[in-house]
Amino acid sequence: MRTLYALGAMLLLTSALSCAETFSGQLFDASCADQHKNDQNYQACVPGTQTASFTVLVSGRMLKLDATGNQKAIEAWQDYNSSADRAKDPNMQTSPVTAVVQGTLNGDEIKVESIKLR
């Protein structure tokens, strides 16, 4: 009987993980992007050191990150900005950043499992 429960639990976990999708797009400061949603001029919305909420532009659609995703994005942003190449050339900070997000979509919000910046 224990084997049956273990097998059921493993199948449930596997099916939950398989629901995750991959989203790739430009990472922006969510509050700035909200201010520019009418003119869609998001180039001024590159995240900064004070950014607390993020959004990703995927195929013309703005998708916000959930609270956990925002925390993961803050950590990824700090790591991204502390790389040797960025430290040498601070002008790279104003260029768009591509985010690859693993998670599940709920409306216009991604429940983030992982995020990588490039």
PDB file of N, CA and C in Angstrom:
ATOM      1  N   MET A   1       0.820  -1.190   0.000  1.00  0.00           N
ATOM      2  CA  MET A   1       0.000   0.000   0.000  1.00  0.00           C
ATOM      3  C   MET A   1       0.869   1.260   0.000  1.00  0.00           C
ATOM      4  N   ARG A   2       1.975   1.230   0.740  1.00  0.00           N
ATOM      5  CA  ARG A   2       2.871   2.390   0.770  1.00  0.00           C
ATOM      6  C   ARG A   2       3.431   2.681  -0.614  1.00  0.00           C
ATOM      7  N   THR A   3       3.734   1.627  -1.341  1.00  0.00           N
ATOM      8  CA  THR A   3       4.266   1.796  -2.687  1.00  0.00           C
ATOM      9  C   THR A   3       3.258   2.500  -3.572  1.00  0.00           C
ATOM     10  N   LEU A   4       2.010   2.159  -3.431  1.00  0.00           N
ATOM     11  CA  LEU A   4       0.954   2.788  -4.209  1.00  0.00           C
ATOM     12  C   LEU A   4       0.837   4.278  -3.883  1.00  0.00           C
ATOM     13  N   TYR A   5       0.926   4.633  -2.601  1.00  0.00           N
ATOM     14  CA  TYR A   5       0.885   6.038  -2.202  1.00  0.00           C
ATOM     15  C   TYR A   5       2.100   6.789  -2.730  1.00  0.00           C
ATOM     16  N   ALA A   6       3.270   6.177  -2.627  1.00  0.00           N
ATOM     17  CA  ALA A   6       4.492   6.821  -3.118  1.00  0.00           C
ATOM     18  C   ALA A   6       4.412   7.046  -4.628  1.00  0.00           C
ATOM     19  N   LEU A   7       3.927   6.050  -5.347  1.00  0.00           N
ATOM     20  CA  LEU A   7       3.779   6.181  -6.791  1.00  0.00           C
ATOM     21  C   LEU A   7       2.774   7.284  -7.135  1.00  0.00           C
ATOM     22  N   GLY A   8       1.672   7.333  -6.427  1.00  0.00           N
ATOM     23  CA  GLY A   8       0.677   8.379  -6.648  1.00  0.00           C
ATOM     24  C   GLY A   8       1.241   9.767  -6.378  1.00  0.00           C
ATOM     25  N   ALA A   9       1.995   9.904  -5.308  1.00  0.00           N
ATOM     26  CA  ALA A   9       2.605  11.192  -4.972  1.00  0.00           C
ATOM     27  C   ALA A   9       3.608  11.611  -6.041  1.00  0.00           C
ATOM     28  N   MET A  10       4.384  10.658  -6.537  1.00  0.00           N
ATOM     29  CA  MET A  10       5.370  10.965  -7.562  1.00  0.00           C
ATOM     30  C   MET A  10       4.675  11.401  -8.855  1.00  0.00           C
ATOM     31  N   LEU A  11       3.606  10.728  -9.223  1.00  0.00           N
ATOM     32  CA  LEU A  11       2.863  11.107 -10.417  1.00  0.00           C
ATOM     33  C   LEU A  11       2.235  12.492 -10.279  1.00  0.00           C
ATOM     34  N   LEU A  12       1.723  12.794  -9.117  1.00  0.00           N
ATOM     35  CA  LEU A  12       1.135  14.106  -8.863  1.00  0.00           C
ATOM     36  C   LEU A  12       2.189  15.200  -8.973  1.00  0.00           C
ATOM     37  N   LEU A  13       3.347  14.982  -8.379  1.00  0.00           N
ATOM     38  CA  LEU A  13       4.432  15.961  -8.436  1.00  0.00           C
ATOM     39  C   LEU A  13       4.909  16.149  -9.870  1.00  0.00           C
ATOM     40  N   THR A  14       5.071  15.070 -10.591  1.00  0.00           N
ATOM     41  CA  THR A  14       5.519  15.146 -11.974  1.00  0.00           C
ATOM     42  C   THR A  14       4.517  15.903 -12.832  1.00  0.00           C
ATOM     43  N   SER A  15       3.245  15.652 -12.643  1.00  0.00           N
ATOM     44  CA  SER A  15       2.240  16.354 -13.441  1.00  0.00           C
ATOM     45  C   SER A  15       2.201  17.834 -13.095  1.00  0.00           C
ATOM     46  N   ALA A  16       2.410  18.181 -11.842  1.00  0.00           N
ATOM     47  CA  ALA A  16       2.426  19.593 -11.449  1.00  0.00           C
ATOM     48  C   ALA A  16       3.608  20.312 -12.082  1.00  0.00           C
ATOM     49  N   LEU A  17       4.758  19.670 -12.116  1.00  0.00           N
ATOM     50  CA  LEU A  17       5.935  20.295 -12.710  1.00  0.00           C
ATOM     51  C   LEU A  17       5.813  20.418 -14.219  1.00  0.00           C
ATOM     52  N   SER A  18       5.119  19.505 -14.842  1.00  0.00           N
ATOM     53  CA  SER A  18       4.996  19.551 -16.297  1.00  0.00           C
ATOM     54  C   SER A  18       4.070  20.670 -16.757  1.00  0.00           C
ATOM     55  N   CYS A  19       3.321  21.282 -15.875  1.00  0.00           N
ATOM     56  CA  CYS A  19       2.421  22.375 -16.229  1.00  0.00           C
ATOM     57  C   CYS A  19       3.168  23.692 -16.438  1.00  0.00           C
ATOM     58  N   ALA A  20       4.406  23.757 -15.988  1.00  0.00           N
ATOM     59  CA  ALA A  20       5.179  24.983 -16.116  1.00  0.00           C
ATOM     60  C   ALA A  20       5.471  25.275 -17.579  1.00  0.00           C
ATOM     61  N   GLU A  21       5.458  26.558 -17.912  1.00  0.00           N
ATOM     62  CA  GLU A  21       5.760  27.009 -19.258  1.00  0.00           C
ATOM     63  C   GLU A  21       7.010  27.872 -19.215  1.00  0.00           C
ATOM     64  N   THR A  22       7.587  28.102 -20.378  1.00  0.00           N
ATOM     65  CA  THR A  22       8.742  28.984 -20.491  1.00  0.00           C
ATOM     66  C   THR A  22       8.312  30.249 -21.226  1.00  0.00           C
ATOM     67  N   PHE A  23       8.612  31.395 -20.625  1.00  0.00           N
ATOM     68  CA  PHE A  23       8.303  32.689 -21.211  1.00  0.00           C
ATOM     69  C   PHE A  23       9.611  33.435 -21.407  1.00  0.00           C
ATOM     70  N   SER A  24       9.821  33.974 -22.577  1.00  0.00           N
ATOM     71  CA  SER A  24      11.043  34.717 -22.862  1.00  0.00           C
ATOM     72  C   SER A  24      10.673  36.072 -23.437  1.00  0.00           C
ATOM     73  N   GLY A  25      11.237  37.127 -22.855  1.00  0.00           N
ATOM     74  CA  GLY A  25      10.939  38.470 -23.335  1.00  0.00           C
ATOM     75  C   GLY A  25      11.754  39.507 -22.587  1.00  0.00           C
ATOM     76  N   GLN A  26      11.500  40.759 -22.880  1.00  0.00           N
ATOM     77  CA  GLN A  26      12.230  41.846 -22.234  1.00  0.00           C
ATOM     78  C   GLN A  26      11.682  42.098 -20.836  1.00  0.00           C
ATOM     79  N   LEU A  27      12.600  42.310 -19.905  1.00  0.00           N
ATOM     80  CA  LEU A  27      12.261  42.583 -18.509  1.00  0.00           C
ATOM     81  C   LEU A  27      12.161  44.092 -18.291  1.00  0.00           C
ATOM     82  N   PHE A  28      11.071  44.515 -17.651  1.00  0.00           N
ATOM     83  CA  PHE A  28      10.862  45.938 -17.376  1.00  0.00           C
ATOM     84  C   PHE A  28      10.415  46.153 -15.943  1.00  0.00           C
ATOM     85  N   ASP A  29      10.569  47.395 -15.481  1.00  0.00           N
ATOM     86  CA  ASP A  29      10.039  47.839 -14.200  1.00  0.00           C
ATOM     87  C   ASP A  29       8.523  47.922 -14.362  1.00  0.00           C
ATOM     88  N   ALA A  30       7.780  47.200 -13.551  1.00  0.00           N
ATOM     89  CA  ALA A  30       6.324  47.107 -13.710  1.00  0.00           C
ATOM     90  C   ALA A  30       5.617  48.444 -13.500  1.00  0.00           C
ATOM     91  N   SER A  31       6.033  49.223 -12.509  1.00  0.00           N
ATOM     92  CA  SER A  31       5.337  50.495 -12.266  1.00  0.00           C
ATOM     93  C   SER A  31       5.571  51.477 -13.411  1.00  0.00           C
ATOM     94  N   CYS A  32       6.757  51.496 -13.971  1.00  0.00           N
ATOM     95  CA  CYS A  32       7.049  52.354 -15.122  1.00  0.00           C
ATOM     96  C   CYS A  32       6.263  51.873 -16.339  1.00  0.00           C
ATOM     97  N   ALA A  33       6.229  50.572 -16.548  1.00  0.00           N
ATOM     98  CA  ALA A  33       5.500  50.013 -17.695  1.00  0.00           C
ATOM     99  C   ALA A  33       4.009  50.337 -17.606  1.00  0.00           C
ATOM    100  N   ASP A  34       3.455  50.337 -16.392  1.00  0.00           N
ATOM    101  CA  ASP A  34       2.043  50.708 -16.210  1.00  0.00           C
ATOM    102  C   ASP A  34       1.798  52.149 -16.655  1.00  0.00           C
ATOM    103  N   GLN A  35       2.755  53.027 -16.355  1.00  0.00           N
ATOM    104  CA  GLN A  35       2.611  54.435 -16.732  1.00  0.00           C
ATOM    105  C   GLN A  35       2.695  54.629 -18.240  1.00  0.00           C
ATOM    106  N   HIS A  36       3.376  53.712 -18.931  1.00  0.00           N
ATOM    107  CA  HIS A  36       3.582  53.850 -20.377  1.00  0.00           C
ATOM    108  C   HIS A  36       2.727  52.890 -21.198  1.00  0.00           C
ATOM    109  N   LYS A  37       1.715  52.283 -20.590  1.00  0.00           N
ATOM    110  CA  LYS A  37       0.948  51.290 -21.345  1.00  0.00           C
ATOM    111  C   LYS A  37       0.142  51.906 -22.483  1.00  0.00           C
ATOM    112  N   ASN A  38      -0.214  53.178 -22.394  1.00  0.00           N
ATOM    113  CA  ASN A  38      -0.960  53.812 -23.486  1.00  0.00           C
ATOM    114  C   ASN A  38      -0.073  54.107 -24.693  1.00  0.00           C
ATOM    115  N   ASP A  39       1.136  54.618 -24.446  1.00  0.00           N
ATOM    116  CA  ASP A  39       2.021  54.930 -25.570  1.00  0.00           C
ATOM    117  C   ASP A  39       2.970  53.775 -25.900  1.00  0.00           C
ATOM    118  N   GLN A  40       3.025  52.767 -25.058  1.00  0.00           N
ATOM    119  CA  GLN A  40       3.848  51.572 -25.232  1.00  0.00           C
ATOM    120  C   GLN A  40       5.318  51.902 -25.491  1.00  0.00           C
ATOM    121  N   ASN A  41       5.791  52.980 -24.889  1.00  0.00           N
ATOM    122  CA  ASN A  41       7.191  53.363 -24.986  1.00  0.00           C
ATOM    123  C   ASN A  41       7.908  52.851 -23.733  1.00  0.00           C
ATOM    124  N   TYR A  42       8.244  51.584 -23.748  1.00  0.00           N
ATOM    125  CA  TYR A  42       8.799  50.931 -22.565  1.00  0.00           C
ATOM    126  C   TYR A  42      10.317  51.049 -22.447  1.00  0.00           C
ATOM    127  N   GLN A  43      10.968  51.655 -23.421  1.00  0.00           N
ATOM    128  CA  GLN A  43      12.423  51.716 -23.402  1.00  0.00           C
ATOM    129  C   GLN A  43      12.961  52.472 -22.186  1.00  0.00           C
ATOM    130  N   ALA A  44      12.183  53.364 -21.612  1.00  0.00           N
ATOM    131  CA  ALA A  44      12.601  54.097 -20.418  1.00  0.00           C
ATOM    132  C   ALA A  44      12.388  53.267 -19.151  1.00  0.00           C
ATOM    133  N   CYS A  45      11.832  52.071 -19.299  1.00  0.00           N
ATOM    134  CA  CYS A  45      11.440  51.268 -18.136  1.00  0.00           C
ATOM    135  C   CYS A  45      12.407  50.129 -17.823  1.00  0.00           C
ATOM    136  N   VAL A  46      13.665  50.289 -18.225  1.00  0.00           N
ATOM    137  CA  VAL A  46      14.673  49.288 -17.866  1.00  0.00           C
ATOM    138  C   VAL A  46      14.775  49.277 -16.342  1.00  0.00           C
ATOM    139  N   PRO A  47      14.762  48.110 -15.725  1.00  0.00           N
ATOM    140  CA  PRO A  47      14.823  48.057 -14.256  1.00  0.00           C
ATOM    141  C   PRO A  47      16.071  48.744 -13.706  1.00  0.00           C
ATOM    142  N   GLY A  48      15.924  49.248 -12.500  1.00  0.00           N
ATOM    143  CA  GLY A  48      17.038  49.874 -11.805  1.00  0.00           C
ATOM    144  C   GLY A  48      17.259  49.197 -10.465  1.00  0.00           C
ATOM    145  N   THR A  49      18.152  49.746  -9.685  1.00  0.00           N
ATOM    146  CA  THR A  49      18.469  49.147  -8.391  1.00  0.00           C
ATOM    147  C   THR A  49      17.315  49.242  -7.409  1.00  0.00           C
ATOM    148  N   GLN A  50      16.384  50.185  -7.618  1.00  0.00           N
ATOM    149  CA  GLN A  50      15.258  50.357  -6.716  1.00  0.00           C
ATOM    150  C   GLN A  50      13.995  49.626  -7.176  1.00  0.00           C
ATOM    151  N   THR A  51      14.070  48.926  -8.319  1.00  0.00           N
ATOM    152  CA  THR A  51      12.889  48.244  -8.846  1.00  0.00           C
ATOM    153  C   THR A  51      12.463  47.121  -7.907  1.00  0.00           C
ATOM    154  N   ALA A  52      11.162  47.095  -7.577  1.00  0.00           N
ATOM    155  CA  ALA A  52      10.632  46.076  -6.665  1.00  0.00           C
ATOM    156  C   ALA A  52       9.632  45.149  -7.342  1.00  0.00           C
ATOM    157  N   SER A  53       9.065  45.599  -8.471  1.00  0.00           N
ATOM    158  CA  SER A  53       8.118  44.745  -9.193  1.00  0.00           C
ATOM    159  C   SER A  53       8.484  44.773 -10.675  1.00  0.00           C
ATOM    160  N   PHE A  54       8.354  43.610 -11.295  1.00  0.00           N
ATOM    161  CA  PHE A  54       8.815  43.437 -12.663  1.00  0.00           C
ATOM    162  C   PHE A  54       7.702  42.925 -13.551  1.00  0.00           C
ATOM    163  N   THR A  55       7.875  43.168 -14.837  1.00  0.00           N
ATOM    164  CA  THR A  55       6.975  42.658 -15.856  1.00  0.00           C
ATOM    165  C   THR A  55       7.825  42.222 -17.043  1.00  0.00           C
ATOM    166  N   VAL A  56       7.309  41.287 -17.812  1.00  0.00           N
ATOM    167  CA  VAL A  56       8.032  40.769 -18.972  1.00  0.00           C
ATOM    168  C   VAL A  56       7.154  40.973 -20.200  1.00  0.00           C
ATOM    169  N   LEU A  57       7.729  41.563 -21.250  1.00  0.00           N
ATOM    170  CA  LEU A  57       7.013  41.760 -22.504  1.00  0.00           C
ATOM    171  C   LEU A  57       7.244  40.526 -23.368  1.00  0.00           C
ATOM    172  N   VAL A  58       6.192  39.729 -23.516  1.00  0.00           N
ATOM    173  CA  VAL A  58       6.265  38.476 -24.265  1.00  0.00           C
ATOM    174  C   VAL A  58       5.283  38.555 -25.429  1.00  0.00           C
ATOM    175  N   SER A  59       5.798  38.548 -26.636  1.00  0.00           N
ATOM    176  CA  SER A  59       4.960  38.586 -27.848  1.00  0.00           C
ATOM    177  C   SER A  59       3.921  39.702 -27.804  1.00  0.00           C
ATOM    178  N   GLY A  60       4.349  40.900 -27.400  1.00  0.00           N
ATOM    179  CA  GLY A  60       3.460  42.051 -27.363  1.00  0.00           C
ATOM    180  C   GLY A  60       2.533  42.117 -26.163  1.00  0.00           C
ATOM    181  N   ARG A  61       2.668  41.195 -25.240  1.00  0.00           N
ATOM    182  CA  ARG A  61       1.799  41.142 -24.059  1.00  0.00           C
ATOM    183  C   ARG A  61       2.634  41.320 -22.787  1.00  0.00           C
ATOM    184  N   MET A  62       2.205  42.243 -21.927  1.00  0.00           N
ATOM    185  CA  MET A  62       2.891  42.458 -20.658  1.00  0.00           C
ATOM    186  C   MET A  62       2.388  41.453 -19.629  1.00  0.00           C
ATOM    187  N   LEU A  63       3.317  40.690 -19.071  1.00  0.00           N
ATOM    188  CA  LEU A  63       2.984  39.708 -18.047  1.00  0.00           C
ATOM    189  C   LEU A  63       3.719  40.073 -16.768  1.00  0.00           C
ATOM    190  N   LYS A  64       2.953  40.294 -15.700  1.00  0.00           N
ATOM    191  CA  LYS A  64       3.548  40.646 -14.413  1.00  0.00           C
ATOM    192  C   LYS A  64       4.045  39.389 -13.715  1.00  0.00           C
ATOM    193  N   LEU A  65       5.009  39.576 -12.827  1.00  0.00           N
ATOM    194  CA  LEU A  65       5.513  38.474 -12.022  1.00  0.00           C
ATOM    195  C   LEU A  65       4.802  38.476 -10.679  1.00  0.00           C
ATOM    196  N   ASP A  66       4.586  37.294 -10.108  1.00  0.00           N
ATOM    197  CA  ASP A  66       3.978  37.206  -8.785  1.00  0.00           C
ATOM    198  C   ASP A  66       4.986  37.668  -7.730  1.00  0.00           C
ATOM    199  N   ALA A  67       4.592  37.716  -6.476  1.00  0.00           N
ATOM    200  CA  ALA A  67       5.457  38.221  -5.397  1.00  0.00           C
ATOM    201  C   ALA A  67       6.752  37.420  -5.297  1.00  0.00           C
ATOM    202  N   THR A  68       6.652  36.100  -5.377  1.00  0.00           N
ATOM    203  CA  THR A  68       7.852  35.258  -5.338  1.00  0.00           C
ATOM    204  C   THR A  68       8.724  35.536  -6.550  1.00  0.00           C
ATOM    205  N   GLY A  69       8.090  35.699  -7.698  1.00  0.00           N
ATOM    206  CA  GLY A  69       8.821  35.998  -8.927  1.00  0.00           C
ATOM    207  C   GLY A  69       9.543  37.332  -8.856  1.00  0.00           C
ATOM    208  N   ASN A  70       8.912  38.329  -8.233  1.00  0.00           N
ATOM    209  CA  ASN A  70       9.568  39.628  -8.072  1.00  0.00           C
ATOM    210  C   ASN A  70      10.812  39.497  -7.205  1.00  0.00           C
ATOM    211  N   GLN A  71      10.735  38.706  -6.140  1.00  0.00           N
ATOM    212  CA  GLN A  71      11.905  38.508  -5.284  1.00  0.00           C
ATOM    213  C   GLN A  71      13.013  37.790  -6.060  1.00  0.00           C
ATOM    214  N   LYS A  72      12.652  36.785  -6.832  1.00  0.00           N
ATOM    215  CA  LYS A  72      13.637  36.069  -7.646  1.00  0.00           C
ATOM    216  C   LYS A  72      14.226  36.985  -8.711  1.00  0.00           C
ATOM    217  N   ALA A  73      13.415  37.864  -9.268  1.00  0.00           N
ATOM    218  CA  ALA A  73      13.894  38.806 -10.278  1.00  0.00           C
ATOM    219  C   ALA A  73      14.861  39.819  -9.664  1.00  0.00           C
ATOM    220  N   ILE A  74      14.578  40.270  -8.447  1.00  0.00           N
ATOM    221  CA  ILE A  74      15.494  41.195  -7.762  1.00  0.00           C
ATOM    222  C   ILE A  74      16.858  40.532  -7.585  1.00  0.00           C
ATOM    223  N   GLU A  75      16.859  39.283  -7.136  1.00  0.00           N
ATOM    224  CA  GLU A  75      18.119  38.557  -6.952  1.00  0.00           C
ATOM    225  C   GLU A  75      18.830  38.347  -8.291  1.00  0.00           C
ATOM    226  N   ALA A  76      18.084  37.976  -9.321  1.00  0.00           N
ATOM    227  CA  ALA A  76      18.680  37.765 -10.638  1.00  0.00           C
ATOM    228  C   ALA A  76      19.225  39.082 -11.195  1.00  0.00           C
ATOM    229  N   TRP A  77      18.505  40.181 -10.960  1.00  0.00           N
ATOM    230  CA  TRP A  77      18.943  41.494 -11.430  1.00  0.00           C
ATOM    231  C   TRP A  77      20.244  41.909 -10.743  1.00  0.00           C
ATOM    232  N   GLN A  78      20.332  41.673  -9.448  1.00  0.00           N
ATOM    233  CA  GLN A  78      21.563  41.997  -8.717  1.00  0.00           C
ATOM    234  C   GLN A  78      22.740  41.172  -9.231  1.00  0.00           C
ATOM    235  N   ASP A  79      22.521  39.891  -9.458  1.00  0.00           N
ATOM    236  CA  ASP A  79      23.579  39.039 -10.007  1.00  0.00           C
ATOM    237  C   ASP A  79      23.972  39.494 -11.406  1.00  0.00           C
ATOM    238  N   TYR A  80      22.982  39.823 -12.204  1.00  0.00           N
ATOM    239  CA  TYR A  80      23.213  40.265 -13.579  1.00  0.00           C
ATOM    240  C   TYR A  80      24.060  41.538 -13.603  1.00  0.00           C
ATOM    241  N   ASN A  81      23.747  42.475 -12.725  1.00  0.00           N
ATOM    242  CA  ASN A  81      24.462  43.745 -12.688  1.00  0.00           C
ATOM    243  C   ASN A  81      25.834  43.655 -12.056  1.00  0.00           C
ATOM    244  N   SER A  82      26.091  42.608 -11.301  1.00  0.00           N
ATOM    245  CA  SER A  82      27.393  42.485 -10.664  1.00  0.00           C
ATOM    246  C   SER A  82      28.372  41.678 -11.513  1.00  0.00           C
ATOM    247  N   SER A  83      27.948  41.234 -12.698  1.00  0.00           N
ATOM    248  CA  SER A  83      28.854  40.474 -13.555  1.00  0.00           C
ATOM    249  C   SER A  83      30.017  41.360 -13.984  1.00  0.00           C
ATOM    250  N   ALA A  84      31.124  40.743 -14.312  1.00  0.00           N
ATOM    251  CA  ALA A  84      32.347  41.470 -14.665  1.00  0.00           C
ATOM    252  C   ALA A  84      32.131  42.384 -15.872  1.00  0.00           C
ATOM    253  N   ASP A  85      31.414  41.919 -16.894  1.00  0.00           N
ATOM    254  CA  ASP A  85      31.184  42.733 -18.086  1.00  0.00           C
ATOM    255  C   ASP A  85      30.396  43.988 -17.752  1.00  0.00           C
ATOM    256  N   ARG A  86      29.396  43.878 -16.910  1.00  0.00           N
ATOM    257  CA  ARG A  86      28.576  45.034 -16.542  1.00  0.00           C
ATOM    258  C   ARG A  86      29.365  46.011 -15.680  1.00  0.00           C
ATOM    259  N   ALA A  87      30.217  45.477 -14.823  1.00  0.00           N
ATOM    260  CA  ALA A  87      31.021  46.358 -13.973  1.00  0.00           C
ATOM    261  C   ALA A  87      31.981  47.192 -14.827  1.00  0.00           C
ATOM    262  N   LYS A  88      32.457  46.636 -15.931  1.00  0.00           N
ATOM    263  CA  LYS A  88      33.377  47.357 -16.816  1.00  0.00           C
ATOM    264  C   LYS A  88      32.659  48.421 -17.635  1.00  0.00           C
ATOM    265  N   ASP A  89      31.425  48.141 -18.068  1.00  0.00           N
ATOM    266  CA  ASP A  89      30.695  49.045 -18.945  1.00  0.00           C
ATOM    267  C   ASP A  89      29.335  49.391 -18.354  1.00  0.00           C
ATOM    268  N   PRO A  90      29.250  50.449 -17.541  1.00  0.00           N
ATOM    269  CA  PRO A  90      27.979  50.811 -16.910  1.00  0.00           C
ATOM    270  C   PRO A  90      26.900  51.216 -17.913  1.00  0.00           C
ATOM    271  N   ASN A  91      27.258  51.571 -19.159  1.00  0.00           N
ATOM    272  CA  ASN A  91      26.255  51.932 -20.161  1.00  0.00           C
ATOM    273  C   ASN A  91      25.400  50.742 -20.563  1.00  0.00           C
ATOM    274  N   MET A  92      25.874  49.534 -20.304  1.00  0.00           N
ATOM    275  CA  MET A  92      25.090  48.346 -20.612  1.00  0.00           C
ATOM    276  C   MET A  92      23.829  48.296 -19.752  1.00  0.00           C
ATOM    277  N   GLN A  93      23.812  49.034 -18.652  1.00  0.00           N
ATOM    278  CA  GLN A  93      22.675  49.034 -17.730  1.00  0.00           C
ATOM    279  C   GLN A  93      21.413  49.608 -18.379  1.00  0.00           C
ATOM    280  N   THR A  94      21.562  50.427 -19.414  1.00  0.00           N
ATOM    281  CA  THR A  94      20.394  51.057 -20.025  1.00  0.00           C
ATOM    282  C   THR A  94      19.843  50.265 -21.210  1.00  0.00           C
ATOM    283  N   SER A  95      20.481  49.156 -21.543  1.00  0.00           N
ATOM    284  CA  SER A  95      19.985  48.361 -22.659  1.00  0.00           C
ATOM    285  C   SER A  95      18.960  47.346 -22.161  1.00  0.00           C
ATOM    286  N   PRO A  96      18.041  46.942 -23.031  1.00  0.00           N
ATOM    287  CA  PRO A  96      17.017  45.972 -22.626  1.00  0.00           C
ATOM    288  C   PRO A  96      17.638  44.652 -22.171  1.00  0.00           C
ATOM    289  N   VAL A  97      16.976  44.015 -21.238  1.00  0.00           N
ATOM    290  CA  VAL A  97      17.440  42.759 -20.674  1.00  0.00           C
ATOM    291  C   VAL A  97      16.419  41.688 -21.025  1.00  0.00           C
ATOM    292  N   THR A  98      16.905  40.549 -21.505  1.00  0.00           N
ATOM    293  CA  THR A  98      16.009  39.441 -21.818  1.00  0.00           C
ATOM    294  C   THR A  98      15.893  38.536 -20.602  1.00  0.00           C
ATOM    295  N   ALA A  99      14.666  38.210 -20.245  1.00  0.00           N
ATOM    296  CA  ALA A  99      14.393  37.307 -19.130  1.00  0.00           C
ATOM    297  C   ALA A  99      13.796  36.015 -19.678  1.00  0.00           C
ATOM    298  N   VAL A 100      14.254  34.905 -19.139  1.00  0.00           N
ATOM    299  CA  VAL A 100      13.667  33.603 -19.444  1.00  0.00           C
ATOM    300  C   VAL A 100      13.040  33.123 -18.140  1.00  0.00           C
ATOM    301  N   VAL A 101      11.719  33.026 -18.150  1.00  0.00           N
ATOM    302  CA  VAL A 101      10.957  32.732 -16.938  1.00  0.00           C
ATOM    303  C   VAL A 101      10.273  31.374 -17.072  1.00  0.00           C
ATOM    304  N   GLN A 102      10.459  30.529 -16.073  1.00  0.00           N
ATOM    305  CA  GLN A 102       9.734  29.261 -15.976  1.00  0.00           C
ATOM    306  C   GLN A 102       8.613  29.473 -14.966  1.00  0.00           C
ATOM    307  N   GLY A 103       7.406  29.127 -15.349  1.00  0.00           N
ATOM    308  CA  GLY A 103       6.293  29.283 -14.421  1.00  0.00           C
ATOM    309  C   GLY A 103       4.973  28.974 -15.084  1.00  0.00           C
ATOM    310  N   THR A 104       3.910  29.281 -14.358  1.00  0.00           N
ATOM    311  CA  THR A 104       2.566  29.047 -14.875  1.00  0.00           C
ATOM    312  C   THR A 104       1.842  30.384 -14.987  1.00  0.00           C
ATOM    313  N   LEU A 105       1.085  30.521 -16.056  1.00  0.00           N
ATOM    314  CA  LEU A 105       0.374  31.756 -16.333  1.00  0.00           C
ATOM    315  C   LEU A 105      -1.020  31.707 -15.734  1.00  0.00           C
ATOM    316  N   ASN A 106      -1.374  32.785 -15.016  1.00  0.00           N
ATOM    317  CA  ASN A 106      -2.707  32.931 -14.449  1.00  0.00           C
ATOM    318  C   ASN A 106      -3.192  34.328 -14.821  1.00  0.00           C
ATOM    319  N   GLY A 107      -3.973  34.415 -15.885  1.00  0.00           N
ATOM    320  CA  GLY A 107      -4.404  35.725 -16.378  1.00  0.00           C
ATOM    321  C   GLY A 107      -3.232  36.439 -17.009  1.00  0.00           C
ATOM    322  N   ASP A 108      -2.836  37.588 -16.437  1.00  0.00           N
ATOM    323  CA  ASP A 108      -1.670  38.308 -16.941  1.00  0.00           C
ATOM    324  C   ASP A 108      -0.520  38.281 -15.933  1.00  0.00           C
ATOM    325  N   GLU A 109      -0.533  37.291 -15.056  1.00  0.00           N
ATOM    326  CA  GLU A 109       0.520  37.158 -14.045  1.00  0.00           C
ATOM    327  C   GLU A 109       1.163  35.777 -14.145  1.00  0.00           C
ATOM    328  N   ILE A 110       2.490  35.760 -14.047  1.00  0.00           N
ATOM    329  CA  ILE A 110       3.228  34.501 -14.069  1.00  0.00           C
ATOM    330  C   ILE A 110       3.569  34.112 -12.643  1.00  0.00           C
ATOM    331  N   LYS A 111       3.202  32.899 -12.261  1.00  0.00           N
ATOM    332  CA  LYS A 111       3.636  32.334 -10.984  1.00  0.00           C
ATOM    333  C   LYS A 111       5.009  31.725 -11.267  1.00  0.00           C
ATOM    334  N   VAL A 112       6.045  32.402 -10.832  1.00  0.00           N
ATOM    335  CA  VAL A 112       7.411  32.105 -11.236  1.00  0.00           C
ATOM    336  C   VAL A 112       8.022  30.957 -10.436  1.00  0.00           C
ATOM    337  N   GLU A 113       8.623  30.031 -11.178  1.00  0.00           N
ATOM    338  CA  GLU A 113       9.413  28.971 -10.556  1.00  0.00           C
ATOM    339  C   GLU A 113      10.892  29.325 -10.630  1.00  0.00           C
ATOM    340  N   SER A 114      11.320  29.886 -11.772  1.00  0.00           N
ATOM    341  CA  SER A 114      12.715  30.306 -11.917  1.00  0.00           C
ATOM    342  C   SER A 114      12.794  31.412 -12.952  1.00  0.00           C
ATOM    343  N   ILE A 115      13.863  32.201 -12.860  1.00  0.00           N
ATOM    344  CA  ILE A 115      14.088  33.290 -13.815  1.00  0.00           C
ATOM    345  C   ILE A 115      15.583  33.424 -14.058  1.00  0.00           C
ATOM    346  N   LYS A 116      15.925  33.617 -15.316  1.00  0.00           N
ATOM    347  CA  LYS A 116      17.326  33.850 -15.710  1.00  0.00           C
ATOM    348  C   LYS A 116      17.362  35.059 -16.608  1.00  0.00           C
ATOM    349  N   LEU A 117      18.386  35.871 -16.438  1.00  0.00           N
ATOM    350  CA  LEU A 117      18.549  37.087 -17.254  1.00  0.00           C
ATOM    351  C   LEU A 117      19.755  36.936 -18.163  1.00  0.00           C
ATOM    352  N   ARG A 118      19.615  37.476 -19.388  1.00  0.00           N
ATOM    353  CA  ARG A 118      20.749  37.488 -20.301  1.00  0.00           C
ATOM    354  C   ARG A 118      20.798  38.799 -21.048  1.00  0.00           C
TER     355      ARG A 118
END
